[in-house]
Amino acid sequence: MNRLLPILHADEQLVAIAKPAGLLVHRSALDAREEVFALQLLRDQLGRHVWPVHRLDKGTSGVLLFALDADSASLAAQAFEQGLVHKRYRALVRGWPGADAGSITHALAKDPELPSQGQVLLEARTDWACLRRLEWPLQTDPRHASSRFALLEASPQSGRRHQIRRHFKHIAHPIIGDATHGKGPLNRAVAAHLSLQRLWLHALTLELPHPITGRLLRIEAPLGPEWGRLQPNCTA
């Protein structure tokens, strides 16, 4: 498959791409039928081996970081483990939050694919801010003629798997397009309204100390044009 990935940053140790929504980072038993992966595409594009430093869910778009050698991959991964990496996401969620900003502190089971009962719960925190409130003429509940949504910025302060998706479900504001944690009728209504079906979650920026130089590296993946569809019908 001849598909060039947008490169956001490249140096002798690291390369970052803008991962499109719907692309797996690497082969996974959870999606065994998938045959195309960011790891494979970038390796072929650069003509050399690459090592993934972290992961993004298949449906999430945005900044994805790879290393160009095993030592740099290990050092960069340590920065994630030590909490030295700052991430900002953009998300479209169901409903209007009752405040303009807040923090979700809710412990999460390590493996979201397994029942939480019996698993050790890990501390997790996500900070968020409401950027815009929206209301569209979508009726998925007979009690309401329209549906409310919010465009949020989210900053996970811990690195639990599917953390942002699970946290916003916990506060009853699931991310639109989330087939696992969201509401199917509403997801389908939004997809029809916007003429696009996707998980509305985007990794906007990634900041970390460079594994070799130690200098702060800030990488940004601009929002795709589809996010412009969320501007009309703004109410607040």
Protein backbone atom coordinates (compact mmCIF):
# COMPACT_ATOMS: atom_id res chain seq x y z
CA MET A 1 0.00 0.00 0.00
CA ASN A 2 1.54 3.30 -1.08
CA ARG A 3 0.51 5.73 1.65
CA LEU A 4 2.74 8.52 2.93
CA LEU A 5 2.27 9.56 6.53
CA PRO A 6 2.61 13.28 7.42
CA ILE A 7 5.88 13.79 9.33
CA LEU A 8 5.65 16.39 12.11
CA HIS A 9 9.19 16.07 13.49
CA ALA A 10 12.34 14.18 12.57
CA ASP A 11 15.87 14.12 13.97
CA GLU A 12 18.55 11.45 14.40
CA GLN A 13 16.71 9.69 17.22
CA LEU A 14 12.99 10.45 16.86
CA VAL A 15 10.30 10.84 14.24
CA ALA A 16 6.70 11.89 14.87
CA ILE A 17 3.79 11.51 12.49
CA ALA A 18 0.23 12.77 12.31
CA LYS A 19 -1.65 9.49 12.59
CA PRO A 20 -4.98 9.49 10.77
CA ALA A 21 -8.07 8.16 12.51
CA GLY A 22 -8.71 4.50 11.74
CA LEU A 23 -5.06 3.41 11.54
CA LEU A 24 -3.61 0.93 14.02
CA VAL A 25 -0.18 1.70 15.48
CA HIS A 26 0.96 -1.93 15.12
CA ARG A 27 -0.43 -5.42 14.70
CA SER A 28 -2.95 -6.34 17.40
CA ALA A 29 -4.91 -9.46 18.25
CA LEU A 30 -7.85 -7.15 19.00
CA ASP A 31 -8.12 -6.36 15.27
CA ALA A 32 -6.62 -9.41 13.64
CA ARG A 33 -8.15 -8.70 10.23
CA GLU A 34 -6.33 -5.38 9.87
CA GLU A 35 -3.33 -5.55 7.54
CA VAL A 36 -2.09 -1.95 7.49
CA PHE A 37 -0.30 -0.33 10.44
CA ALA A 38 1.46 2.96 11.14
CA LEU A 39 4.62 1.08 12.13
CA GLN A 40 4.76 -0.74 8.80
CA LEU A 41 3.90 2.33 6.73
CA LEU A 42 6.51 4.53 8.41
CA ARG A 43 9.19 1.82 8.18
CA ASP A 44 8.58 1.52 4.44
CA GLN A 45 8.39 5.29 4.02
CA LEU A 46 11.75 5.88 5.74
CA GLY A 47 13.42 2.69 4.56
CA ARG A 48 14.55 1.77 8.08
CA HIS A 49 13.32 0.17 11.28
CA VAL A 50 11.30 2.28 13.70
CA TRP A 51 10.21 1.65 17.31
CA PRO A 52 6.86 2.91 18.67
CA VAL A 53 7.37 4.96 21.85
CA HIS A 54 3.69 5.06 22.88
CA ARG A 55 0.27 4.17 21.48
CA LEU A 56 -2.86 5.85 20.22
CA ASP A 57 -6.14 4.02 19.85
CA LYS A 58 -7.05 3.05 16.30
CA GLY A 59 -9.81 5.66 16.13
CA THR A 60 -7.71 8.49 17.59
CA SER A 61 -5.86 10.85 15.28
CA GLY A 62 -2.87 13.06 16.05
CA VAL A 63 0.72 13.03 17.29
CA LEU A 64 2.34 9.60 17.33
CA LEU A 65 6.01 9.27 18.28
CA PHE A 66 8.53 6.68 17.08
CA ALA A 67 12.22 6.19 17.80
CA LEU A 68 14.88 5.33 15.23
CA ASP A 69 16.89 3.03 17.50
CA ALA A 70 16.16 0.79 20.48
CA ASP A 71 18.11 2.87 23.02
CA SER A 72 16.24 6.08 22.13
CA ALA A 73 12.95 4.17 22.27
CA SER A 74 13.77 2.94 25.78
CA LEU A 75 14.77 6.40 27.02
CA ALA A 76 11.70 8.08 25.53
CA ALA A 77 9.43 5.40 26.99
CA GLN A 78 10.97 6.07 30.40
CA ALA A 79 9.89 9.71 30.12
CA PHE A 80 6.29 8.53 29.69
CA GLU A 81 6.59 6.17 32.65
CA GLN A 82 8.09 8.89 34.84
CA GLY A 83 5.32 11.38 34.08
CA LEU A 84 7.62 13.76 32.18
CA VAL A 85 5.41 13.88 29.09
CA HIS A 86 2.59 16.40 28.69
CA LYS A 87 -0.24 15.64 26.26
CA ARG A 88 -3.20 17.70 25.07
CA TYR A 89 -6.18 16.25 23.24
CA ARG A 90 -9.25 17.67 21.55
CA ALA A 91 -12.53 15.80 22.05
CA LEU A 92 -16.20 16.13 21.17
CA VAL A 93 -18.41 14.74 23.93
CA ARG A 94 -22.09 14.24 24.61
CA GLY A 95 -23.84 16.89 26.68
CA TRP A 96 -22.82 20.15 28.29
CA PRO A 97 -20.50 19.93 31.31
CA GLY A 98 -21.78 21.72 34.38
CA ALA A 99 -18.53 23.71 34.69
CA ASP A 100 -16.03 25.30 32.33
CA ALA A 101 -13.13 23.16 33.56
CA GLY A 102 -12.38 20.37 35.94
CA SER A 103 -10.42 17.23 36.78
CA ILE A 104 -11.52 13.61 36.65
CA THR A 105 -9.81 11.52 39.32
CA HIS A 106 -11.09 8.01 38.92
CA ALA A 107 -9.00 4.86 39.32
CA LEU A 108 -9.00 2.53 36.32
CA ALA A 109 -8.41 -1.17 35.87
CA LYS A 110 -5.14 -1.90 34.09
CA ASP A 111 -6.71 -3.87 31.23
CA PRO A 112 -9.88 -2.25 29.81
CA GLU A 113 -10.56 -5.34 27.70
CA LEU A 114 -11.21 -7.43 30.84
CA PRO A 115 -13.87 -7.04 33.56
CA SER A 116 -12.75 -4.48 36.15
CA GLN A 117 -13.82 -6.70 39.02
CA GLY A 118 -10.82 -8.51 40.42
CA GLN A 119 -8.26 -6.24 38.74
CA VAL A 120 -5.97 -3.88 40.61
CA LEU A 121 -7.20 -0.32 40.15
CA LEU A 122 -4.61 2.27 39.11
CA GLU A 123 -4.83 5.94 40.01
CA ALA A 124 -5.69 8.11 37.02
CA ARG A 125 -6.39 11.81 36.47
CA THR A 126 -7.55 13.78 33.45
CA ASP A 127 -7.77 17.58 33.45
CA TRP A 128 -10.21 19.17 31.01
CA ALA A 129 -11.56 22.51 29.85
CA CYS A 130 -14.69 23.27 27.86
CA LEU A 131 -13.89 25.22 24.69
CA ARG A 132 -17.32 25.41 23.11
CA ARG A 133 -20.89 24.24 23.70
CA LEU A 134 -22.94 23.08 20.72
CA GLU A 135 -26.55 22.15 20.09
CA TRP A 136 -27.72 20.38 16.95
CA PRO A 137 -31.25 19.47 15.76
CA LEU A 138 -30.74 15.75 16.38
CA GLN A 139 -33.44 13.82 18.21
CA THR A 140 -32.30 10.55 19.71
CA ASP A 141 -34.41 10.92 22.86
CA PRO A 142 -38.18 11.55 22.49
CA ARG A 143 -38.01 13.96 25.43
CA HIS A 144 -35.71 16.37 23.57
CA ALA A 145 -35.94 17.87 20.07
CA SER A 146 -32.20 18.56 19.93
CA SER A 147 -28.94 17.18 21.27
CA ARG A 148 -26.17 18.97 23.14
CA PHE A 149 -22.43 18.49 22.71
CA ALA A 150 -19.23 20.06 24.02
CA LEU A 151 -15.82 20.56 22.44
CA LEU A 152 -13.22 19.94 25.12
CA GLU A 153 -9.49 20.06 25.66
CA ALA A 154 -8.25 17.12 27.73
CA SER A 155 -4.86 16.63 29.37
CA PRO A 156 -4.26 13.18 30.88
CA GLN A 157 -1.96 13.39 33.90
CA SER A 158 -1.45 9.63 33.92
CA GLY A 159 -1.03 7.14 31.12
CA ARG A 160 -3.70 4.50 31.60
CA ARG A 161 -4.96 2.65 28.54
CA HIS A 162 -8.05 4.26 26.98
CA GLN A 163 -7.90 6.73 29.88
CA ILE A 164 -9.62 9.71 28.25
CA ARG A 165 -12.41 7.59 26.77
CA ARG A 166 -13.04 5.78 30.05
CA HIS A 167 -12.88 8.94 32.15
CA PHE A 168 -15.41 10.86 30.05
CA LYS A 169 -17.73 7.87 30.13
CA HIS A 170 -17.37 7.91 33.93
CA ILE A 171 -18.71 11.49 34.12
CA ALA A 172 -21.53 10.70 31.64
CA HIS A 173 -19.97 12.70 28.79
CA PRO A 174 -18.74 9.93 26.47
CA ILE A 175 -16.74 10.86 23.41
CA ILE A 176 -18.80 10.96 20.24
CA GLY A 177 -18.01 8.06 17.94
CA ASP A 178 -16.79 5.81 20.75
CA ALA A 179 -18.39 2.46 19.94
CA THR A 180 -17.23 0.91 23.23
CA HIS A 181 -18.04 3.62 25.78
CA GLY A 182 -20.57 5.81 23.94
CA LYS A 183 -24.18 5.62 22.83
CA GLY A 184 -24.82 3.91 19.48
CA PRO A 185 -27.96 5.86 18.41
CA LEU A 186 -26.32 9.20 19.16
CA ASN A 187 -23.07 8.20 17.42
CA ARG A 188 -25.02 7.21 14.32
CA ALA A 189 -27.07 10.42 14.37
CA VAL A 190 -23.94 12.57 14.58
CA ALA A 191 -22.25 10.59 11.80
CA ALA A 192 -25.26 11.21 9.56
CA HIS A 193 -25.46 14.90 10.55
CA LEU A 194 -21.76 15.51 9.81
CA SER A 195 -21.54 12.99 6.92
CA LEU A 196 -18.58 11.43 8.70
CA GLN A 197 -18.13 8.56 11.13
CA ARG A 198 -15.08 8.67 13.40
CA LEU A 199 -13.98 8.74 17.02
CA TRP A 200 -13.88 12.46 17.80
CA LEU A 201 -10.61 12.39 19.72
CA HIS A 202 -7.38 14.00 18.49
CA ALA A 203 -3.91 14.05 20.08
CA LEU A 204 -3.11 17.71 19.54
CA THR A 205 0.28 18.20 21.23
CA LEU A 206 3.00 16.14 22.82
CA GLU A 207 5.79 17.61 24.96
CA LEU A 208 8.71 15.61 26.35
CA PRO A 209 12.43 15.95 27.06
CA HIS A 210 14.48 14.76 24.11
CA PRO A 211 16.02 11.39 25.07
CA ILE A 212 19.54 12.48 24.02
CA THR A 213 19.76 16.28 24.33
CA GLY A 214 17.31 16.67 27.21
CA ARG A 215 15.82 19.80 25.63
CA LEU A 216 12.04 20.16 25.68
CA LEU A 217 10.52 18.89 22.47
CA ARG A 218 7.02 20.10 21.56
CA ILE A 219 5.23 18.45 18.65
CA GLU A 220 1.81 19.51 17.37
CA ALA A 221 -0.58 17.80 14.96
CA PRO A 222 -3.05 20.36 13.60
CA LEU A 223 -6.70 19.41 13.62
CA GLY A 224 -7.93 17.89 10.39
CA PRO A 225 -10.43 19.76 8.21
CA GLU A 226 -13.28 17.61 9.53
CA TRP A 227 -13.08 19.43 12.86
CA GLY A 228 -14.24 22.56 11.04
CA ARG A 229 -17.64 20.90 10.71
CA LEU A 230 -18.14 21.42 14.43
CA GLN A 231 -18.17 25.21 14.19
CA PRO A 232 -21.72 25.86 12.89
CA ASN A 233 -24.69 26.00 15.26
CA CYS A 234 -22.48 27.19 18.11
CA THR A 235 -24.62 28.33 21.05
CA ALA A 236 -22.07 29.33 23.68
